[in-house]
């Protein structure tokens, strides 16, 4: 049992060191380029129309109801990087040709700023419908207690500072 825990810890440390290297970045770029060239996503969607209908129906309820300024403040709070792995928005644009995603911390939770954090395409996909505590735990190679506490402080306290009052038209 002790060997298993020690081995897991060394493995996680090795993964963190590997992810900080240029070799890892090149590996990810090559992997995503290959997927794009093979039209993996388009082929899957064409071969699974019923699954795509179901997926799109679920996704339609997951639109964040936040202003542009709230989103900017949220990204600034997290240093314009993925809350889970730490990839910067600039690196994300180079790698994926898109901005960071608005990730729901609680999959079927609120659609406001309290349930929103910036996440890279990779982390957003891996997290999928898992809860924060189930997915972003000590078993996750990107996990750090500091990042977890920052996320916790955001949803518990700090996001409230950035929520803009909504205009309500009363008749």
Protein backbone atom coordinates (compact mmCIF):
# COMPACT_ATOMS: atom_id res chain seq x y z
CA UNK A 1 0.00 0.00 0.00
CA UNK A 2 2.78 2.44 0.92
CA UNK A 3 4.66 1.67 -2.31
CA UNK A 4 1.52 2.40 -4.27
CA UNK A 5 1.07 5.85 -2.67
CA UNK A 6 4.77 6.74 -3.06
CA UNK A 7 4.79 5.54 -6.64
CA UNK A 8 1.66 7.57 -7.48
CA UNK A 9 3.22 10.69 -5.96
CA UNK A 10 6.46 10.27 -7.97
CA UNK A 11 4.43 9.63 -11.12
CA UNK A 12 2.41 12.86 -10.61
CA UNK A 13 5.60 14.85 -10.00
CA UNK A 14 7.09 13.42 -13.20
CA UNK A 15 3.93 14.35 -15.13
CA UNK A 16 4.10 17.93 -13.84
CA UNK A 17 7.76 18.25 -14.90
CA UNK A 18 6.98 16.78 -18.34
CA UNK A 19 4.06 19.21 -18.87
CA UNK A 20 6.40 22.15 -18.24
CA UNK A 21 8.71 21.17 -21.11
CA UNK A 22 8.64 22.27 -24.73
CA UNK A 23 8.55 18.58 -25.69
CA UNK A 24 5.10 18.24 -24.15
CA UNK A 25 3.83 21.34 -25.97
CA UNK A 26 5.13 19.98 -29.29
CA UNK A 27 3.55 16.60 -28.53
CA UNK A 28 0.14 18.25 -27.88
CA UNK A 29 0.36 20.39 -31.02
CA UNK A 30 1.23 17.33 -33.13
CA UNK A 31 -1.59 15.26 -31.57
CA UNK A 32 -4.25 17.94 -32.16
CA UNK A 33 -2.99 18.61 -35.69
CA UNK A 34 -3.29 14.89 -36.51
CA UNK A 35 -6.85 14.77 -35.13
CA UNK A 36 -7.78 17.84 -37.17
CA UNK A 37 -6.26 16.42 -40.37
CA UNK A 38 -8.16 13.16 -39.92
CA UNK A 39 -11.44 15.06 -39.37
CA UNK A 40 -12.04 12.92 -36.29
CA UNK A 41 -14.70 15.20 -34.83
CA UNK A 42 -16.63 15.66 -38.08
CA UNK A 43 -16.57 11.92 -38.80
CA UNK A 44 -17.82 11.12 -35.31
CA UNK A 45 -20.65 13.63 -35.61
CA UNK A 46 -21.72 12.25 -39.00
CA UNK A 47 -21.62 8.65 -37.75
CA UNK A 48 -23.56 9.39 -34.53
CA UNK A 49 -26.46 11.74 -35.38
CA UNK A 50 -28.68 10.57 -32.50
CA UNK A 51 -25.92 11.09 -29.95
CA UNK A 52 -25.28 14.55 -31.39
CA UNK A 53 -28.98 15.50 -31.09
CA UNK A 54 -28.96 14.42 -27.45
CA UNK A 55 -25.69 16.23 -26.78
CA UNK A 56 -26.88 19.45 -28.45
CA UNK A 57 -30.11 19.40 -26.46
CA UNK A 58 -28.14 19.19 -23.21
CA UNK A 59 -25.69 21.88 -24.36
CA UNK A 60 -28.47 24.31 -25.19
CA UNK A 61 -29.23 24.63 -21.45
CA UNK A 62 -25.59 25.37 -20.58
CA UNK A 63 -25.22 28.91 -21.87
CA UNK A 64 -23.59 31.23 -19.36
CA UNK A 65 -25.56 34.37 -18.61
CA UNK A 66 -22.65 36.70 -17.89
CA UNK A 67 -21.58 40.03 -19.34
CA UNK A 68 -18.37 40.58 -21.29
CA UNK A 69 -16.96 42.59 -18.39
CA UNK A 70 -17.79 39.84 -15.89
CA UNK A 71 -15.98 37.32 -18.11
CA UNK A 72 -12.96 39.62 -18.43
CA UNK A 73 -12.88 40.05 -14.64
CA UNK A 74 -13.15 36.29 -14.15
CA UNK A 75 -10.22 35.61 -16.50
CA UNK A 76 -8.16 38.36 -14.87
CA UNK A 77 -8.83 36.84 -11.44
CA UNK A 78 -7.29 33.59 -12.70
CA UNK A 79 -4.37 35.37 -14.46
CA UNK A 80 -5.87 34.78 -17.92
CA UNK A 81 -5.13 31.07 -17.72
CA UNK A 82 -6.88 27.74 -17.31
CA UNK A 83 -7.83 27.24 -13.67
CA UNK A 84 -6.88 23.55 -13.81
CA UNK A 85 -3.65 23.19 -15.82
CA UNK A 86 -2.49 26.81 -15.92
CA UNK A 87 -2.06 27.16 -19.71
CA UNK A 88 -2.30 30.86 -20.56
CA UNK A 89 -4.92 32.23 -22.90
CA UNK A 90 -2.17 33.25 -25.32
CA UNK A 91 -0.75 29.69 -25.41
CA UNK A 92 -4.30 28.36 -25.75
CA UNK A 93 -4.97 30.56 -28.80
CA UNK A 94 -1.75 29.35 -30.45
CA UNK A 95 -2.53 25.71 -29.73
CA UNK A 96 -6.30 25.56 -30.28
CA UNK A 97 -7.01 28.75 -32.29
CA UNK A 98 -9.66 29.80 -29.74
CA UNK A 99 -10.13 31.58 -26.43
CA UNK A 100 -10.45 29.85 -23.08
CA UNK A 101 -13.79 28.17 -22.42
CA UNK A 102 -16.39 29.23 -19.87
CA UNK A 103 -16.48 26.09 -17.75
CA UNK A 104 -19.42 25.20 -15.51
CA UNK A 105 -17.95 24.08 -12.19
CA UNK A 106 -21.22 22.31 -11.44
CA UNK A 107 -22.34 20.73 -14.71
CA UNK A 108 -26.08 21.25 -14.30
CA UNK A 109 -25.69 24.21 -11.94
CA UNK A 110 -26.26 27.92 -12.31
CA UNK A 111 -25.50 29.79 -15.53
CA UNK A 112 -24.06 32.87 -13.86
CA UNK A 113 -20.60 34.03 -12.82
CA UNK A 114 -20.67 32.04 -9.58
CA UNK A 115 -20.50 28.80 -11.57
CA UNK A 116 -18.04 29.96 -14.22
CA UNK A 117 -14.26 29.63 -14.52
CA UNK A 118 -11.88 29.80 -17.49
CA UNK A 119 -10.70 26.41 -18.74
CA UNK A 120 -8.65 25.24 -21.69
CA UNK A 121 -10.21 23.01 -24.32
CA UNK A 122 -8.39 19.96 -23.01
CA UNK A 123 -9.33 20.36 -19.33
CA UNK A 124 -12.88 21.37 -20.23
CA UNK A 125 -13.26 18.19 -22.28
CA UNK A 126 -11.69 15.94 -19.64
CA UNK A 127 -13.78 17.41 -16.83
CA UNK A 128 -16.91 16.80 -18.89
CA UNK A 129 -19.85 16.32 -16.48
CA UNK A 130 -17.82 15.46 -13.39
CA UNK A 131 -18.08 17.56 -10.28
CA UNK A 132 -15.12 19.73 -9.37
CA UNK A 133 -14.27 17.63 -6.30
CA UNK A 134 -14.50 14.35 -8.18
CA UNK A 135 -12.42 15.43 -11.20
CA UNK A 136 -9.99 17.99 -9.77
CA UNK A 137 -8.57 15.97 -6.90
CA UNK A 138 -5.15 14.72 -5.84
CA UNK A 139 -5.38 11.99 -8.50
CA UNK A 140 -5.48 14.66 -11.23
CA UNK A 141 -1.91 15.32 -12.48
CA UNK A 142 -2.64 19.08 -12.69
CA UNK A 143 -3.98 19.34 -9.14
CA UNK A 144 -2.43 21.76 -6.69
CA UNK A 145 -3.93 22.81 -3.41
CA UNK A 146 -3.26 26.48 -4.26
CA UNK A 147 -5.29 26.29 -7.49
CA UNK A 148 -8.08 24.42 -5.74
CA UNK A 149 -8.28 27.04 -2.97
CA UNK A 150 -8.31 29.84 -5.54
CA UNK A 151 -11.27 28.18 -7.31
CA UNK A 152 -13.01 27.66 -3.97
CA UNK A 153 -12.49 31.30 -2.95
CA UNK A 154 -13.82 32.42 -6.31
CA UNK A 155 -17.11 30.53 -6.08
CA UNK A 156 -17.58 31.12 -2.37
CA UNK A 157 -16.61 34.77 -1.96
CA UNK A 158 -14.71 36.65 -4.65
CA UNK A 159 -17.03 36.28 -7.66
CA UNK A 160 -19.63 38.38 -5.82
CA UNK A 161 -17.35 41.42 -6.16
CA UNK A 162 -17.58 41.18 -9.95
CA UNK A 163 -21.25 40.39 -10.54
CA UNK A 164 -22.86 43.32 -12.31
CA UNK A 165 -26.45 44.25 -11.47
CA UNK A 166 -28.81 43.08 -14.18
CA UNK A 167 -31.19 45.59 -15.74
CA UNK A 168 -34.73 44.50 -15.00
CA UNK A 169 -37.48 46.24 -16.92
CA UNK A 170 -40.49 46.50 -14.70
CA UNK A 171 -43.80 47.44 -16.21
